[in-house]
Amino acid sequence: MFSNRSPDTIKEFLTNFKRDDYARSGFVATETIMIPEGRLMRGEEIVPHNMEPHLRKLGMPTVLINGIVHLERDYTICKEGDVLTPEQAQLLVSLNSFFYFVFLYIVCIFVSIQYLYQI
């Protein structure tokens, strides 16, 4: 990152920087995600009917009833401590489940040729 701002301003900005991110294949699950039987929701919204074949292909026991995606039984996407498979990661993304936060850490700041600001 290049900036004309002071090292303290940059350090404060990056220390407070945090963004949600989706889990990826190979990440370790930080919590157990279990979806209850019944109407399948994506956040506050109902999952669109055209996603049902994709979710079924990823292993979810889904069925389409009157154009609404339902789970036939309770389904656990992942358990805490498990390494996520590609299918589990895709399910989490499909259901808008943020699993991780992105943080930025400063190692050092280059101020001039004579001075390197170590953090």
Foldseek 3Di string as FASTA:
>chain_A
DDDPDDPVVVQVVQQPDKDFDADAAQDFFQAKDKDAWFFDAQVPHGQFLVCQVVLVVLPFQWDADPRTITGHGMDILDHGGDGHHRSSSVVCVSSVNGGDMDHDDDQWDQDDPVDIGGD
